[in-house]
Protein backbone atom coordinates (compact mmCIF):
# COMPACT_ATOMS: atom_id res chain seq x y z
CA UNK A 1 -7.88 -65.42 43.19
CA UNK A 2 -10.61 -65.16 40.74
CA UNK A 3 -9.68 -64.00 37.35
CA UNK A 4 -11.45 -61.04 35.97
CA UNK A 5 -13.57 -62.20 33.21
CA UNK A 6 -13.94 -59.95 30.30
CA UNK A 7 -17.48 -59.46 29.22
CA UNK A 8 -18.25 -60.16 25.62
CA UNK A 9 -18.44 -57.08 23.43
CA UNK A 10 -21.81 -55.75 22.73
CA UNK A 11 -22.53 -56.21 19.02
CA UNK A 12 -24.80 -53.15 19.08
CA UNK A 13 -21.80 -50.93 19.75
CA UNK A 14 -20.52 -51.47 16.24
CA UNK A 15 -23.93 -50.73 14.79
CA UNK A 16 -24.23 -47.43 16.69
CA UNK A 17 -21.10 -45.89 15.14
CA UNK A 18 -22.43 -45.90 11.57
CA UNK A 19 -25.73 -44.50 12.80
CA UNK A 20 -23.88 -41.61 14.45
CA UNK A 21 -21.99 -40.97 11.22
CA UNK A 22 -25.19 -41.09 9.19
CA UNK A 23 -26.86 -38.74 11.65
CA UNK A 24 -23.99 -36.26 11.34
CA UNK A 25 -24.16 -36.48 7.54
CA UNK A 26 -27.90 -35.91 7.62
CA UNK A 27 -27.48 -32.88 9.88
CA UNK A 28 -24.81 -31.51 7.53
CA UNK A 29 -27.09 -32.02 4.52
CA UNK A 30 -29.92 -30.28 6.37
CA UNK A 31 -27.65 -27.33 7.17
CA UNK A 32 -26.59 -27.10 3.52
CA UNK A 33 -30.24 -27.23 2.45
CA UNK A 34 -31.05 -24.49 4.97
CA UNK A 35 -28.17 -22.38 3.62
CA UNK A 36 -29.49 -22.78 0.07
CA UNK A 37 -32.99 -21.80 1.15
CA UNK A 38 -31.67 -18.80 3.06
CA UNK A 39 -29.67 -17.68 0.02
CA UNK A 40 -32.77 -17.95 -2.16
CA UNK A 41 -34.82 -15.92 0.34
CA UNK A 42 -32.15 -13.21 0.45
CA UNK A 43 -32.21 -13.03 -3.34
CA UNK A 44 -35.99 -12.71 -3.43
CA UNK A 45 -35.71 -9.37 -1.65
CA UNK A 46 -33.26 -7.92 -4.19
CA UNK A 47 -30.29 -8.72 -6.39
CA UNK A 48 -27.02 -9.14 -4.49
CA UNK A 49 -23.36 -9.64 -5.30
CA UNK A 50 -21.75 -12.98 -4.54
CA UNK A 51 -19.60 -11.44 -1.79
CA UNK A 52 -22.59 -9.71 -0.20
CA UNK A 53 -24.65 -12.91 -0.20
CA UNK A 54 -21.74 -14.81 1.34
CA UNK A 55 -21.47 -12.23 4.12
CA UNK A 56 -25.21 -12.48 4.82
CA UNK A 57 -24.96 -16.27 5.06
CA UNK A 58 -21.97 -15.94 7.37
CA UNK A 59 -23.93 -13.54 9.58
CA UNK A 60 -26.73 -16.11 9.71
CA UNK A 61 -24.29 -18.63 11.21
CA UNK A 62 -23.48 -20.89 8.27
CA UNK A 63 -19.96 -22.32 8.13
CA UNK A 64 -17.70 -21.91 5.05
CA UNK A 65 -18.62 -25.28 3.54
CA UNK A 66 -22.34 -24.55 3.83
CA UNK A 67 -21.90 -21.04 2.40
CA UNK A 68 -19.89 -22.34 -0.51
CA UNK A 69 -22.51 -25.01 -1.29
CA UNK A 70 -25.29 -22.40 -1.19
CA UNK A 71 -23.36 -19.94 -3.37
CA UNK A 72 -22.55 -22.67 -5.92
CA UNK A 73 -26.20 -23.64 -5.97
CA UNK A 74 -27.54 -20.15 -6.68
CA UNK A 75 -24.76 -19.44 -9.17
CA UNK A 76 -25.55 -22.65 -11.07
CA UNK A 77 -29.02 -21.27 -11.80
CA UNK A 78 -27.71 -17.79 -12.64
CA UNK A 79 -29.37 -16.18 -9.63
CA UNK A 80 -26.10 -14.54 -8.60
CA UNK A 81 -24.12 -12.78 -11.30
CA UNK A 82 -21.80 -9.93 -10.32
CA UNK A 83 -21.69 -8.45 -13.83
CA UNK A 84 -25.49 -8.29 -14.00
CA UNK A 85 -25.59 -6.87 -10.47
CA UNK A 86 -23.13 -4.12 -11.47
CA UNK A 87 -25.02 -3.29 -14.67
CA UNK A 88 -28.35 -3.08 -12.83
CA UNK A 89 -26.91 -0.88 -10.12
CA UNK A 90 -25.25 1.47 -12.61
CA UNK A 91 -28.49 1.70 -14.59
CA UNK A 92 -30.53 2.56 -11.51
CA UNK A 93 -28.10 4.87 -9.68
CA UNK A 94 -26.21 6.27 -12.67
CA UNK A 95 -28.59 9.21 -12.92
CA UNK A 96 -27.85 10.30 -9.32
CA UNK A 97 -24.19 9.50 -8.67
CA UNK A 98 -20.81 10.06 -10.24
CA UNK A 99 -18.75 7.33 -11.85
CA UNK A 100 -16.37 7.44 -8.87
CA UNK A 101 -19.22 6.95 -6.38
CA UNK A 102 -20.65 4.06 -8.42
CA UNK A 103 -17.23 2.42 -8.71
CA UNK A 104 -16.67 2.78 -4.97
CA UNK A 105 -20.07 1.28 -4.11
CA UNK A 106 -19.51 -1.71 -6.40
CA UNK A 107 -16.07 -2.25 -4.90
CA UNK A 108 -17.61 -2.24 -1.40
CA UNK A 109 -20.04 -4.95 -2.53
CA UNK A 110 -17.19 -7.17 -3.71
CA UNK A 111 -17.76 -6.76 -7.45
CA UNK A 112 -14.57 -7.31 -9.44
CA UNK A 113 -12.89 -4.33 -11.10
CA UNK A 114 -13.53 -5.84 -14.55
CA UNK A 115 -17.27 -6.24 -13.94
CA UNK A 116 -17.54 -2.73 -12.49
CA UNK A 117 -15.66 -1.15 -15.40
CA UNK A 118 -17.76 -3.07 -17.92
CA UNK A 119 -20.92 -1.70 -16.33
CA UNK A 120 -19.52 1.86 -16.12
CA UNK A 121 -18.72 1.86 -19.86
CA UNK A 122 -22.43 2.36 -20.47
CA UNK A 123 -22.29 5.82 -18.85
CA UNK A 124 -21.13 8.89 -20.74
CA UNK A 125 -17.57 9.99 -19.95
CA UNK A 126 -18.57 13.64 -19.45
CA UNK A 127 -20.43 14.05 -16.18
CA UNK A 128 -21.21 17.71 -16.83
CA UNK A 129 -24.79 17.14 -18.06
CA UNK A 130 -25.56 14.97 -15.04
CA UNK A 131 -24.16 17.58 -12.65
CA UNK A 132 -26.18 20.22 -14.47
CA UNK A 133 -29.38 18.16 -14.20
CA UNK A 134 -28.88 17.59 -10.46
CA UNK A 135 -27.96 21.24 -9.98
CA UNK A 136 -31.17 22.40 -11.67
CA UNK A 137 -33.20 19.92 -9.66
CA UNK A 138 -31.69 20.93 -6.32
CA UNK A 139 -31.00 24.65 -6.81
CA UNK A 140 -33.88 25.95 -8.82
CA UNK A 141 -33.38 29.38 -10.37
CA UNK A 142 -29.85 30.80 -10.00
CA UNK A 143 -31.04 34.22 -8.84
CA UNK A 144 -32.80 32.67 -5.83
CA UNK A 145 -29.61 31.24 -4.31
CA UNK A 146 -27.66 32.92 -1.56
CA UNK A 147 -24.20 31.87 -0.30
CA UNK A 148 -25.63 29.38 2.14
CA UNK A 149 -27.76 27.75 -0.55
CA UNK A 150 -24.79 27.57 -2.93
CA UNK A 151 -22.70 25.80 -0.30
CA UNK A 152 -25.58 23.39 0.38
CA UNK A 153 -25.92 22.53 -3.33
CA UNK A 154 -22.16 22.20 -3.67
CA UNK A 155 -22.07 19.77 -0.73
CA UNK A 156 -25.02 17.84 -2.17
CA UNK A 157 -23.17 17.30 -5.44
CA UNK A 158 -19.94 16.49 -3.61
CA UNK A 159 -21.68 13.76 -1.61
CA UNK A 160 -22.71 12.17 -4.87
CA UNK A 161 -19.05 11.80 -5.77
CA UNK A 162 -18.54 14.61 -8.24
CA UNK A 163 -15.20 16.42 -8.23
CA UNK A 164 -14.95 19.99 -6.93
CA UNK A 165 -13.58 21.32 -10.23
CA UNK A 166 -16.46 19.78 -12.21
CA UNK A 167 -19.03 21.17 -9.77
CA UNK A 168 -17.53 24.68 -9.93
CA UNK A 169 -17.42 24.55 -13.73
CA UNK A 170 -21.10 23.57 -13.98
CA UNK A 171 -22.18 26.07 -11.32
CA UNK A 172 -20.45 28.87 -13.27
CA UNK A 173 -22.11 27.75 -16.51
CA UNK A 174 -25.39 27.70 -14.65
CA UNK A 175 -24.78 31.25 -13.42
CA UNK A 176 -24.01 32.50 -16.92
CA UNK A 177 -27.48 31.41 -18.01
CA UNK A 178 -29.15 33.57 -15.35
CA UNK A 179 -31.41 36.34 -16.63
CA UNK A 180 -29.56 39.44 -17.89
CA UNK A 181 -28.44 41.74 -15.10
CA UNK A 182 -28.76 39.11 -12.37
CA UNK A 183 -25.28 38.57 -10.92
CA UNK A 184 -26.28 37.41 -7.49
CA UNK A 185 -25.31 33.79 -8.19
CA UNK A 186 -21.57 34.45 -8.32
CA UNK A 187 -21.58 38.15 -7.52
CA UNK A 188 -19.48 37.76 -4.34
CA UNK A 189 -16.26 35.89 -3.80
CA UNK A 190 -17.15 32.28 -2.99
CA UNK A 191 -15.28 29.83 -0.79
CA UNK A 192 -15.91 26.26 -1.93
């Protein structure tokens, strides 16, 4: 019987393993670089919260390690800052929405409660003047409103997050300022 001779090991086999590892590392580095570039592109469009940017990167197919590397990168340059994001949003939308609506939006975007509250401190506590301003903008002259129009304006203000009691209070104040003898604004019993 002839003995099975074992062939000598191919020395190239050992050399291929490190190349495979290096290739995998290079691919990983390229994916991280792509995640960083994607994060920067997303931030060029508009300011975003850290949570929102992470979700966008996840949707684009980056794994947690790649997302974390990209988020750390943009945070290191100050491109992502939840407090700044909250302050900018409150400054831009604060003239159209209630404090509750602003707080809710920031919470949906993953902004911490502390950052949201710090940004909301810049707004006045009394929302009456803001309701009044929106009411005047939407309703026009009080004497021109019928029941249907009143309900429409009430719903408009409600969708912006204002409480029903605050809206009623401001609508009644608005009615009191109607020209003398004009009681059509709250002349009939209303159902809000």
